[in-house]
PDB file of N, CA and C in Angstrom:
ATOM      1  N   MET A   1      84.524 -32.863 -44.175  1.00  0.00           N
ATOM      2  CA  MET A   1      86.131 -31.847 -44.012  1.00  0.00           C
ATOM      3  C   MET A   1      85.955 -31.696 -42.490  1.00  0.00           C
ATOM      4  N   GLU A   2      86.917 -32.020 -41.852  1.00  0.00           N
ATOM      5  CA  GLU A   2      87.117 -31.947 -40.473  1.00  0.00           C
ATOM      6  C   GLU A   2      86.892 -29.900 -40.552  1.00  0.00           C
ATOM      7  N   LYS A   3      86.385 -29.297 -39.646  1.00  0.00           N
ATOM      8  CA  LYS A   3      86.696 -27.761 -39.028  1.00  0.00           C
ATOM      9  C   LYS A   3      87.240 -28.242 -37.549  1.00  0.00           C
ATOM     10  N   ASP A   4      88.364 -27.405 -37.764  1.00  0.00           N
ATOM     11  CA  ASP A   4      88.762 -27.263 -36.280  1.00  0.00           C
ATOM     12  C   ASP A   4      89.304 -28.668 -35.274  1.00  0.00           C
ATOM     13  N   PHE A   5      89.947 -29.141 -36.721  1.00  0.00           N
ATOM     14  CA  PHE A   5      89.937 -31.190 -35.990  1.00  0.00           C
ATOM     15  C   PHE A   5      88.742 -31.428 -35.226  1.00  0.00           C
ATOM     16  N   VAL A   6      87.578 -31.065 -35.080  1.00  0.00           N
ATOM     17  CA  VAL A   6      86.106 -32.123 -34.973  1.00  0.00           C
ATOM     18  C   VAL A   6      85.803 -32.737 -36.408  1.00  0.00           C
ATOM     19  N   ASP A   7      85.529 -34.141 -35.742  1.00  0.00           N
ATOM     20  CA  ASP A   7      85.015 -34.635 -36.776  1.00  0.00           C
ATOM     21  C   ASP A   7      83.633 -34.114 -37.161  1.00  0.00           C
ATOM     22  N   VAL A   8      82.657 -34.028 -36.004  1.00  0.00           N
ATOM     23  CA  VAL A   8      81.529 -33.780 -36.317  1.00  0.00           C
ATOM     24  C   VAL A   8      81.307 -32.692 -34.936  1.00  0.00           C
ATOM     25  N   SER A   9      80.222 -31.842 -35.650  1.00  0.00           N
ATOM     26  CA  SER A   9      79.689 -31.199 -34.342  1.00  0.00           C
ATOM     27  C   SER A   9      78.059 -30.578 -34.630  1.00  0.00           C
ATOM     28  N   PHE A  10      77.221 -30.564 -33.651  1.00  0.00           N
ATOM     29  CA  PHE A  10      75.894 -30.304 -34.122  1.00  0.00           C
ATOM     30  C   PHE A  10      75.340 -29.624 -32.572  1.00  0.00           C
ATOM     31  N   SER A  11      74.159 -29.204 -33.029  1.00  0.00           N
ATOM     32  CA  SER A  11      73.330 -28.799 -31.748  1.00  0.00           C
ATOM     33  C   SER A  11      71.828 -29.389 -31.518  1.00  0.00           C
ATOM     34  N   VAL A  12      71.433 -29.868 -30.524  1.00  0.00           N
ATOM     35  CA  VAL A  12      70.152 -30.165 -30.251  1.00  0.00           C
ATOM     36  C   VAL A  12      69.709 -29.658 -29.021  1.00  0.00           C
ATOM     37  N   GLY A  13      68.616 -29.348 -28.946  1.00  0.00           N
ATOM     38  CA  GLY A  13      67.664 -28.574 -27.870  1.00  0.00           C
ATOM     39  C   GLY A  13      68.392 -27.821 -27.258  1.00  0.00           C
ATOM     40  N   GLY A  14      69.116 -27.088 -27.641  1.00  0.00           N
ATOM     41  CA  GLY A  14      69.929 -25.959 -26.684  1.00  0.00           C
ATOM     42  C   GLY A  14      71.474 -26.357 -26.563  1.00  0.00           C
ATOM     43  N   GLN A  15      71.741 -27.485 -26.763  1.00  0.00           N
ATOM     44  CA  GLN A  15      73.118 -28.013 -26.481  1.00  0.00           C
ATOM     45  C   GLN A  15      73.914 -28.050 -27.402  1.00  0.00           C
ATOM     46  N   ASP A  16      75.142 -28.165 -27.207  1.00  0.00           N
ATOM     47  CA  ASP A  16      76.177 -27.915 -28.757  1.00  0.00           C
ATOM     48  C   ASP A  16      77.183 -29.117 -28.158  1.00  0.00           C
ATOM     49  N   PHE A  17      77.683 -30.024 -29.578  1.00  0.00           N
ATOM     50  CA  PHE A  17      77.727 -31.209 -29.236  1.00  0.00           C
ATOM     51  C   PHE A  17      79.452 -31.169 -30.162  1.00  0.00           C
ATOM     52  N   ILE A  18      80.361 -31.947 -29.695  1.00  0.00           N
ATOM     53  CA  ILE A  18      81.506 -32.288 -30.890  1.00  0.00           C
ATOM     54  C   ILE A  18      81.465 -33.888 -30.905  1.00  0.00           C
ATOM     55  N   CYS A  19      82.162 -34.455 -31.700  1.00  0.00           N
ATOM     56  CA  CYS A  19      81.893 -35.767 -31.739  1.00  0.00           C
ATOM     57  C   CYS A  19      83.420 -36.073 -32.449  1.00  0.00           C
ATOM     58  N   GLU A  20      83.885 -37.269 -31.969  1.00  0.00           N
ATOM     59  CA  GLU A  20      85.016 -37.798 -32.389  1.00  0.00           C
ATOM     60  C   GLU A  20      84.346 -38.848 -32.926  1.00  0.00           C
ATOM     61  N   ILE A  21      84.845 -39.510 -34.267  1.00  0.00           N
ATOM     62  CA  ILE A  21      84.438 -40.926 -34.675  1.00  0.00           C
ATOM     63  C   ILE A  21      86.030 -41.937 -35.065  1.00  0.00           C
ATOM     64  N   LYS A  22      85.531 -43.162 -34.812  1.00  0.00           N
ATOM     65  CA  LYS A  22      86.883 -43.831 -34.590  1.00  0.00           C
ATOM     66  C   LYS A  22      86.767 -45.171 -35.444  1.00  0.00           C
ATOM     67  N   VAL A  23      87.285 -45.487 -36.257  1.00  0.00           N
ATOM     68  CA  VAL A  23      86.755 -47.137 -37.009  1.00  0.00           C
ATOM     69  C   VAL A  23      88.143 -48.016 -36.234  1.00  0.00           C
ATOM     70  N   THR A  24      88.030 -49.051 -36.671  1.00  0.00           N
ATOM     71  CA  THR A  24      88.952 -49.933 -35.975  1.00  0.00           C
ATOM     72  C   THR A  24      89.662 -50.955 -36.925  1.00  0.00           C
ATOM     73  N   ARG A  25      89.382 -50.548 -38.000  1.00  0.00           N
ATOM     74  CA  ARG A  25      90.079 -50.842 -38.878  1.00  0.00           C
ATOM     75  C   ARG A  25      91.853 -51.126 -39.135  1.00  0.00           C
ATOM     76  N   ASN A  26      92.144 -49.708 -38.658  1.00  0.00           N
ATOM     77  CA  ASN A  26      93.962 -50.194 -38.223  1.00  0.00           C
ATOM     78  C   ASN A  26      94.332 -49.477 -37.445  1.00  0.00           C
ATOM     79  N   LEU A  27      93.265 -49.785 -36.326  1.00  0.00           N
ATOM     80  CA  LEU A  27      93.388 -49.251 -34.690  1.00  0.00           C
ATOM     81  C   LEU A  27      92.945 -50.542 -34.123  1.00  0.00           C
ATOM     82  N   THR A  28      93.235 -51.006 -32.713  1.00  0.00           N
ATOM     83  CA  THR A  28      92.593 -51.956 -31.803  1.00  0.00           C
ATOM     84  C   THR A  28      91.936 -51.144 -31.319  1.00  0.00           C
ATOM     85  N   LEU A  29      90.669 -51.850 -30.993  1.00  0.00           N
ATOM     86  CA  LEU A  29      89.530 -50.885 -29.959  1.00  0.00           C
ATOM     87  C   LEU A  29      90.660 -49.991 -28.890  1.00  0.00           C
ATOM     88  N   ALA A  30      91.471 -50.728 -27.873  1.00  0.00           N
ATOM     89  CA  ALA A  30      91.807 -49.507 -26.731  1.00  0.00           C
ATOM     90  C   ALA A  30      92.875 -48.411 -27.564  1.00  0.00           C
ATOM     91  N   GLN A  31      93.328 -48.749 -28.807  1.00  0.00           N
ATOM     92  CA  GLN A  31      93.852 -47.444 -29.388  1.00  0.00           C
ATOM     93  C   GLN A  31      92.713 -46.414 -29.943  1.00  0.00           C
ATOM     94  N   ALA A  32      91.835 -47.043 -30.773  1.00  0.00           N
ATOM     95  CA  ALA A  32      90.875 -46.208 -31.116  1.00  0.00           C
ATOM     96  C   ALA A  32      89.938 -45.158 -29.416  1.00  0.00           C
ATOM     97  N   PHE A  33      89.688 -45.899 -28.910  1.00  0.00           N
ATOM     98  CA  PHE A  33      89.100 -45.203 -27.399  1.00  0.00           C
ATOM     99  C   PHE A  33      90.456 -44.005 -27.353  1.00  0.00           C
ATOM    100  N   ARG A  34      91.572 -44.648 -27.031  1.00  0.00           N
ATOM    101  CA  ARG A  34      92.392 -43.480 -26.388  1.00  0.00           C
ATOM    102  C   ARG A  34      92.746 -42.745 -27.303  1.00  0.00           C
ATOM    103  N   ALA A  35      92.374 -42.615 -28.773  1.00  0.00           N
ATOM    104  CA  ALA A  35      92.705 -41.238 -29.628  1.00  0.00           C
ATOM    105  C   ALA A  35      91.848 -40.327 -29.286  1.00  0.00           C
ATOM    106  N   ALA A  36      90.424 -41.133 -29.513  1.00  0.00           N
ATOM    107  CA  ALA A  36      88.942 -40.489 -29.492  1.00  0.00           C
ATOM    108  C   ALA A  36      88.704 -39.759 -28.104  1.00  0.00           C
ATOM    109  N   LEU A  37      89.167 -40.403 -26.930  1.00  0.00           N
ATOM    110  CA  LEU A  37      89.612 -39.809 -25.742  1.00  0.00           C
ATOM    111  C   LEU A  37      89.834 -38.501 -25.666  1.00  0.00           C
ATOM    112  N   GLY A  38      91.273 -38.910 -26.182  1.00  0.00           N
ATOM    113  CA  GLY A  38      92.280 -37.433 -26.009  1.00  0.00           C
ATOM    114  C   GLY A  38      92.038 -36.242 -26.698  1.00  0.00           C
ATOM    115  N   GLN A  39      91.058 -36.392 -27.860  1.00  0.00           N
ATOM    116  CA  GLN A  39      90.735 -35.339 -28.613  1.00  0.00           C
ATOM    117  C   GLN A  39      89.797 -34.879 -28.200  1.00  0.00           C
ATOM    118  N   LEU A  40      88.788 -35.456 -27.481  1.00  0.00           N
ATOM    119  CA  LEU A  40      87.286 -34.986 -27.061  1.00  0.00           C
ATOM    120  C   LEU A  40      88.104 -34.179 -26.050  1.00  0.00           C
ATOM    121  N   LEU A  41      88.741 -34.527 -25.424  1.00  0.00           N
ATOM    122  CA  LEU A  41      88.891 -33.988 -23.885  1.00  0.00           C
ATOM    123  C   LEU A  41      89.928 -32.548 -24.550  1.00  0.00           C
ATOM    124  N   ASP A  42      90.876 -32.968 -25.296  1.00  0.00           N
ATOM    125  CA  ASP A  42      91.492 -31.617 -25.723  1.00  0.00           C
ATOM    126  C   ASP A  42      91.203 -30.744 -26.685  1.00  0.00           C
ATOM    127  N   TYR A  43      89.959 -30.854 -27.482  1.00  0.00           N
ATOM    128  CA  TYR A  43      89.018 -29.936 -28.340  1.00  0.00           C
ATOM    129  C   TYR A  43      88.126 -29.358 -27.418  1.00  0.00           C
ATOM    130  N   SER A  44      87.412 -29.623 -26.420  1.00  0.00           N
ATOM    131  CA  SER A  44      86.368 -29.375 -25.707  1.00  0.00           C
ATOM    132  C   SER A  44      87.037 -28.269 -24.938  1.00  0.00           C
ATOM    133  N   HIS A  45      88.092 -28.191 -24.354  1.00  0.00           N
ATOM    134  CA  HIS A  45      88.401 -27.612 -23.302  1.00  0.00           C
ATOM    135  C   HIS A  45      88.873 -26.179 -23.490  1.00  0.00           C
ATOM    136  N   PRO A  46      89.243 -25.374 -24.423  1.00  0.00           N
ATOM    137  CA  PRO A  46      89.615 -24.149 -24.972  1.00  0.00           C
ATOM    138  C   PRO A  46      88.206 -23.418 -25.365  1.00  0.00           C
ATOM    139  N   ARG A  47      86.732 -24.200 -25.380  1.00  0.00           N
ATOM    140  CA  ARG A  47      85.880 -23.400 -25.351  1.00  0.00           C
ATOM    141  C   ARG A  47      85.162 -22.523 -24.341  1.00  0.00           C
ATOM    142  N   VAL A  48      85.565 -21.420 -24.703  1.00  0.00           N
ATOM    143  CA  VAL A  48      84.697 -20.256 -23.155  1.00  0.00           C
ATOM    144  C   VAL A  48      83.284 -20.290 -23.217  1.00  0.00           C
ATOM    145  N   GLY A  49      82.351 -20.110 -22.146  1.00  0.00           N
ATOM    146  CA  GLY A  49      81.028 -19.821 -21.993  1.00  0.00           C
ATOM    147  C   GLY A  49      80.784 -21.260 -22.125  1.00  0.00           C
ATOM    148  N   LYS A  50      79.526 -21.609 -22.815  1.00  0.00           N
ATOM    149  CA  LYS A  50      78.610 -22.772 -22.537  1.00  0.00           C
ATOM    150  C   LYS A  50      79.669 -24.409 -23.230  1.00  0.00           C
ATOM    151  N   PRO A  51      79.701 -25.032 -22.266  1.00  0.00           N
ATOM    152  CA  PRO A  51      80.528 -25.834 -22.509  1.00  0.00           C
ATOM    153  C   PRO A  51      80.400 -26.805 -23.654  1.00  0.00           C
ATOM    154  N   TRP A  52      80.879 -27.130 -24.194  1.00  0.00           N
ATOM    155  CA  TRP A  52      80.750 -28.737 -25.317  1.00  0.00           C
ATOM    156  C   TRP A  52      79.868 -29.689 -24.748  1.00  0.00           C
ATOM    157  N   GLN A  53      79.141 -30.595 -24.858  1.00  0.00           N
ATOM    158  CA  GLN A  53      78.823 -32.052 -24.949  1.00  0.00           C
ATOM    159  C   GLN A  53      79.617 -33.025 -25.754  1.00  0.00           C
ATOM    160  N   MET A  54      80.233 -33.754 -25.079  1.00  0.00           N
ATOM    161  CA  MET A  54      80.826 -35.001 -25.834  1.00  0.00           C
ATOM    162  C   MET A  54      80.833 -35.995 -26.284  1.00  0.00           C
ATOM    163  N   VAL A  55      80.340 -36.312 -27.641  1.00  0.00           N
ATOM    164  CA  VAL A  55      80.283 -37.817 -28.278  1.00  0.00           C
ATOM    165  C   VAL A  55      81.537 -38.565 -28.922  1.00  0.00           C
ATOM    166  N   MET A  56      81.550 -39.852 -28.004  1.00  0.00           N
ATOM    167  CA  MET A  56      82.589 -40.498 -28.914  1.00  0.00           C
ATOM    168  C   MET A  56      81.723 -41.882 -29.903  1.00  0.00           C
ATOM    169  N   PHE A  57      81.927 -41.914 -31.223  1.00  0.00           N
ATOM    170  CA  PHE A  57      81.398 -42.765 -32.315  1.00  0.00           C
ATOM    171  C   PHE A  57      82.717 -43.863 -32.352  1.00  0.00           C
ATOM    172  N   LEU A  58      81.696 -45.232 -32.007  1.00  0.00           N
ATOM    173  CA  LEU A  58      82.997 -46.163 -32.178  1.00  0.00           C
ATOM    174  C   LEU A  58      82.066 -47.056 -33.320  1.00  0.00           C
ATOM    175  N   ASP A  59      82.981 -48.433 -33.858  1.00  0.00           N
ATOM    176  CA  ASP A  59      82.683 -49.500 -34.457  1.00  0.00           C
ATOM    177  C   ASP A  59      82.355 -50.474 -33.586  1.00  0.00           C
ATOM    178  N   GLN A  60      83.090 -50.555 -32.620  1.00  0.00           N
ATOM    179  CA  GLN A  60      82.883 -51.671 -31.651  1.00  0.00           C
ATOM    180  C   GLN A  60      82.286 -51.449 -30.344  1.00  0.00           C
ATOM    181  N   ARG A  61      81.791 -52.185 -29.449  1.00  0.00           N
ATOM    182  CA  ARG A  61      81.220 -51.928 -27.962  1.00  0.00           C
ATOM    183  C   ARG A  61      82.267 -51.688 -27.093  1.00  0.00           C
ATOM    184  N   LEU A  62      82.169 -50.636 -25.984  1.00  0.00           N
ATOM    185  CA  LEU A  62      83.286 -50.781 -25.160  1.00  0.00           C
ATOM    186  C   LEU A  62      83.065 -51.665 -24.017  1.00  0.00           C
ATOM    187  N   ASP A  63      84.340 -52.099 -23.211  1.00  0.00           N
ATOM    188  CA  ASP A  63      84.143 -52.921 -22.440  1.00  0.00           C
ATOM    189  C   ASP A  63      83.521 -51.800 -20.940  1.00  0.00           C
ATOM    190  N   GLN A  64      83.148 -52.830 -19.976  1.00  0.00           N
ATOM    191  CA  GLN A  64      82.539 -51.608 -18.772  1.00  0.00           C
ATOM    192  C   GLN A  64      83.594 -50.921 -18.026  1.00  0.00           C
ATOM    193  N   ARG A  65      84.906 -51.429 -18.306  1.00  0.00           N
ATOM    194  CA  ARG A  65      85.942 -50.572 -17.588  1.00  0.00           C
ATOM    195  C   ARG A  65      85.614 -48.876 -18.115  1.00  0.00           C
ATOM    196  N   ARG A  66      86.305 -49.329 -19.479  1.00  0.00           N
ATOM    197  CA  ARG A  66      86.103 -47.961 -20.499  1.00  0.00           C
ATOM    198  C   ARG A  66      84.825 -47.252 -20.674  1.00  0.00           C
ATOM    199  N   LEU A  67      83.604 -47.769 -20.327  1.00  0.00           N
ATOM    200  CA  LEU A  67      82.337 -47.438 -20.577  1.00  0.00           C
ATOM    201  C   LEU A  67      82.388 -46.448 -19.319  1.00  0.00           C
ATOM    202  N   LYS A  68      82.653 -47.204 -17.555  1.00  0.00           N
ATOM    203  CA  LYS A  68      82.520 -46.344 -16.529  1.00  0.00           C
ATOM    204  C   LYS A  68      83.341 -44.789 -17.084  1.00  0.00           C
ATOM    205  N   LEU A  69      84.324 -45.262 -17.402  1.00  0.00           N
ATOM    206  CA  LEU A  69      85.358 -43.653 -17.357  1.00  0.00           C
ATOM    207  C   LEU A  69      84.973 -42.573 -18.351  1.00  0.00           C
ATOM    208  N   THR A  70      84.200 -43.184 -19.522  1.00  0.00           N
ATOM    209  CA  THR A  70      83.723 -42.125 -20.331  1.00  0.00           C
ATOM    210  C   THR A  70      82.402 -41.386 -19.891  1.00  0.00           C
ATOM    211  N   SER A  71      81.831 -42.310 -18.645  1.00  0.00           N
ATOM    212  CA  SER A  71      80.657 -41.828 -17.702  1.00  0.00           C
ATOM    213  C   SER A  71      80.774 -40.854 -16.845  1.00  0.00           C
ATOM    214  N   VAL A  72      82.202 -41.326 -16.352  1.00  0.00           N
ATOM    215  CA  VAL A  72      82.305 -40.140 -15.260  1.00  0.00           C
ATOM    216  C   VAL A  72      82.899 -39.040 -15.914  1.00  0.00           C
ATOM    217  N   LEU A  73      83.417 -38.869 -17.106  1.00  0.00           N
ATOM    218  CA  LEU A  73      84.300 -37.867 -18.127  1.00  0.00           C
ATOM    219  C   LEU A  73      82.761 -37.148 -18.742  1.00  0.00           C
ATOM    220  N   LYS A  74      81.516 -37.483 -18.314  1.00  0.00           N
ATOM    221  CA  LYS A  74      80.525 -37.226 -19.590  1.00  0.00           C
ATOM    222  C   LYS A  74      80.644 -37.290 -20.864  1.00  0.00           C
ATOM    223  N   ILE A  75      81.078 -38.167 -21.154  1.00  0.00           N
ATOM    224  CA  ILE A  75      81.347 -38.410 -22.784  1.00  0.00           C
ATOM    225  C   ILE A  75      80.400 -39.494 -22.990  1.00  0.00           C
ATOM    226  N   ALA A  76      79.446 -39.308 -23.701  1.00  0.00           N
ATOM    227  CA  ALA A  76      78.310 -40.330 -24.471  1.00  0.00           C
ATOM    228  C   ALA A  76      79.175 -41.004 -25.417  1.00  0.00           C
ATOM    229  N   VAL A  77      79.010 -42.246 -25.943  1.00  0.00           N
ATOM    230  CA  VAL A  77      80.026 -43.319 -26.167  1.00  0.00           C
ATOM    231  C   VAL A  77      78.351 -43.936 -27.468  1.00  0.00           C
ATOM    232  N   VAL A  78      78.793 -43.950 -28.789  1.00  0.00           N
ATOM    233  CA  VAL A  78      77.599 -44.336 -29.609  1.00  0.00           C
ATOM    234  C   VAL A  78      78.435 -45.186 -30.390  1.00  0.00           C
ATOM    235  N   VAL A  79      77.489 -46.566 -30.646  1.00  0.00           N
ATOM    236  CA  VAL A  79      78.244 -47.381 -31.556  1.00  0.00           C
ATOM    237  C   VAL A  79      77.104 -48.058 -32.316  1.00  0.00           C
ATOM    238  N   GLY A  80      78.341 -48.048 -33.927  1.00  0.00           N
ATOM    239  CA  GLY A  80      77.516 -48.889 -35.141  1.00  0.00           C
ATOM    240  C   GLY A  80      76.917 -50.013 -34.642  1.00  0.00           C
ATOM    241  N   ASP A  81      76.066 -50.206 -35.063  1.00  0.00           N
ATOM    242  CA  ASP A  81      75.457 -51.371 -34.809  1.00  0.00           C
ATOM    243  C   ASP A  81      74.581 -52.276 -36.249  1.00  0.00           C
ATOM    244  N   GLY A  82      75.008 -52.870 -37.013  1.00  0.00           N
ATOM    245  CA  GLY A  82      74.520 -52.921 -38.232  1.00  0.00           C
ATOM    246  C   GLY A  82      74.249 -51.526 -38.735  1.00  0.00           C
ATOM    247  N   GLU A  83      72.670 -51.504 -39.120  1.00  0.00           N
ATOM    248  CA  GLU A  83      72.481 -50.106 -39.733  1.00  0.00           C
ATOM    249  C   GLU A  83      71.904 -49.019 -38.711  1.00  0.00           C
ATOM    250  N   LYS A  84      71.875 -49.391 -37.903  1.00  0.00           N
ATOM    251  CA  LYS A  84      71.543 -48.125 -36.620  1.00  0.00           C
ATOM    252  C   LYS A  84      72.833 -47.753 -35.831  1.00  0.00           C
ATOM    253  N   PHE A  85      72.789 -46.929 -34.809  1.00  0.00           N
ATOM    254  CA  PHE A  85      73.411 -46.340 -33.888  1.00  0.00           C
ATOM    255  C   PHE A  85      72.732 -46.391 -32.334  1.00  0.00           C
ATOM    256  N   VAL A  86      73.437 -46.971 -31.902  1.00  0.00           N
ATOM    257  CA  VAL A  86      73.210 -47.579 -30.549  1.00  0.00           C
ATOM    258  C   VAL A  86      73.653 -46.496 -29.398  1.00  0.00           C
ATOM    259  N   LEU A  87      73.203 -45.904 -28.297  1.00  0.00           N
ATOM    260  CA  LEU A  87      73.874 -45.146 -27.549  1.00  0.00           C
ATOM    261  C   LEU A  87      73.954 -45.984 -26.218  1.00  0.00           C
ATOM    262  N   LEU A  88      75.177 -46.176 -25.590  1.00  0.00           N
ATOM    263  CA  LEU A  88      75.811 -46.906 -24.584  1.00  0.00           C
ATOM    264  C   LEU A  88      75.171 -46.166 -23.520  1.00  0.00           C
ATOM    265  N   ASP A  89      75.292 -46.699 -22.384  1.00  0.00           N
ATOM    266  CA  ASP A  89      75.075 -45.844 -20.879  1.00  0.00           C
ATOM    267  C   ASP A  89      73.719 -44.782 -21.021  1.00  0.00           C
ATOM    268  N   PRO A  90      72.707 -44.818 -21.838  1.00  0.00           N
ATOM    269  CA  PRO A  90      71.985 -43.796 -22.169  1.00  0.00           C
ATOM    270  C   PRO A  90      71.385 -43.098 -20.624  1.00  0.00           C
ATOM    271  N   ASP A  91      71.643 -43.607 -19.562  1.00  0.00           N
ATOM    272  CA  ASP A  91      71.483 -42.806 -18.263  1.00  0.00           C
ATOM    273  C   ASP A  91      72.409 -42.033 -17.888  1.00  0.00           C
ATOM    274  N   GLY A  92      73.430 -41.837 -18.570  1.00  0.00           N
ATOM    275  CA  GLY A  92      74.258 -40.816 -18.305  1.00  0.00           C
ATOM    276  C   GLY A  92      74.325 -40.304 -19.331  1.00  0.00           C
ATOM    277  N   ALA A  93      73.847 -40.521 -20.509  1.00  0.00           N
ATOM    278  CA  ALA A  93      74.091 -39.359 -21.773  1.00  0.00           C
ATOM    279  C   ALA A  93      73.445 -38.157 -21.670  1.00  0.00           C
ATOM    280  N   PRO A  94      73.439 -36.931 -22.190  1.00  0.00           N
ATOM    281  CA  PRO A  94      72.641 -35.634 -22.374  1.00  0.00           C
ATOM    282  C   PRO A  94      71.197 -36.178 -22.792  1.00  0.00           C
ATOM    283  N   PRO A  95      69.920 -35.775 -22.050  1.00  0.00           N
ATOM    284  CA  PRO A  95      68.655 -36.006 -22.968  1.00  0.00           C
ATOM    285  C   PRO A  95      68.395 -35.969 -24.330  1.00  0.00           C
ATOM    286  N   PRO A  96      69.024 -34.935 -25.020  1.00  0.00           N
ATOM    287  CA  PRO A  96      68.873 -34.597 -26.602  1.00  0.00           C
ATOM    288  C   PRO A  96      69.259 -35.946 -27.289  1.00  0.00           C
ATOM    289  N   LEU A  97      70.499 -36.834 -27.001  1.00  0.00           N
ATOM    290  CA  LEU A  97      71.027 -37.807 -27.788  1.00  0.00           C
ATOM    291  C   LEU A  97      69.591 -39.481 -27.600  1.00  0.00           C
ATOM    292  N   LYS A  98      69.389 -39.030 -26.426  1.00  0.00           N
ATOM    293  CA  LYS A  98      68.005 -40.162 -26.194  1.00  0.00           C
ATOM    294  C   LYS A  98      67.068 -40.462 -26.922  1.00  0.00           C
ATOM    295  N   ALA A  99      66.975 -38.938 -27.781  1.00  0.00           N
ATOM    296  CA  ALA A  99      65.476 -38.877 -28.806  1.00  0.00           C
ATOM    297  C   ALA A  99      66.024 -39.178 -30.180  1.00  0.00           C
ATOM    298  N   ILE A 100      67.500 -39.218 -30.608  1.00  0.00           N
ATOM    299  CA  ILE A 100      68.355 -39.505 -31.720  1.00  0.00           C
ATOM    300  C   ILE A 100      68.819 -40.708 -31.907  1.00  0.00           C
ATOM    301  N   PHE A 101      69.192 -41.538 -30.864  1.00  0.00           N
ATOM    302  CA  PHE A 101      69.557 -42.564 -31.000  1.00  0.00           C
ATOM    303  C   PHE A 101      69.173 -43.732 -30.300  1.00  0.00           C
ATOM    304  N   GLU A 102      68.992 -45.016 -30.920  1.00  0.00           N
ATOM    305  CA  GLU A 102      68.449 -46.132 -30.141  1.00  0.00           C
ATOM    306  C   GLU A 102      69.129 -46.001 -28.700  1.00  0.00           C
ATOM    307  N   THR A 103      68.453 -47.049 -27.990  1.00  0.00           N
ATOM    308  CA  THR A 103      69.331 -47.484 -26.622  1.00  0.00           C
ATOM    309  C   THR A 103      69.071 -48.972 -26.294  1.00  0.00           C
TER     310      THR A 103
END
């Protein structure tokens, strides 16, 4: 069950993360991306003190234009790839995520 509308939250290495999970069963990839992006930006903004790190989980890989946008906004993108999860753009992702997800 979501808490405060956030799909998943966790802490690793002293950093707090919020995550939005979007699947494209009933959405296009563009719609899923926009929904996750808006939710992450909206939910991360009100936090006072130490900021949240943001992660978007998708079931399809993003195109380079959208991936560049997430990089600029410091949003990590993780994609389900078979039975594993792959961190896209690992150079721009927070270091604790590199230890959890394949790159």
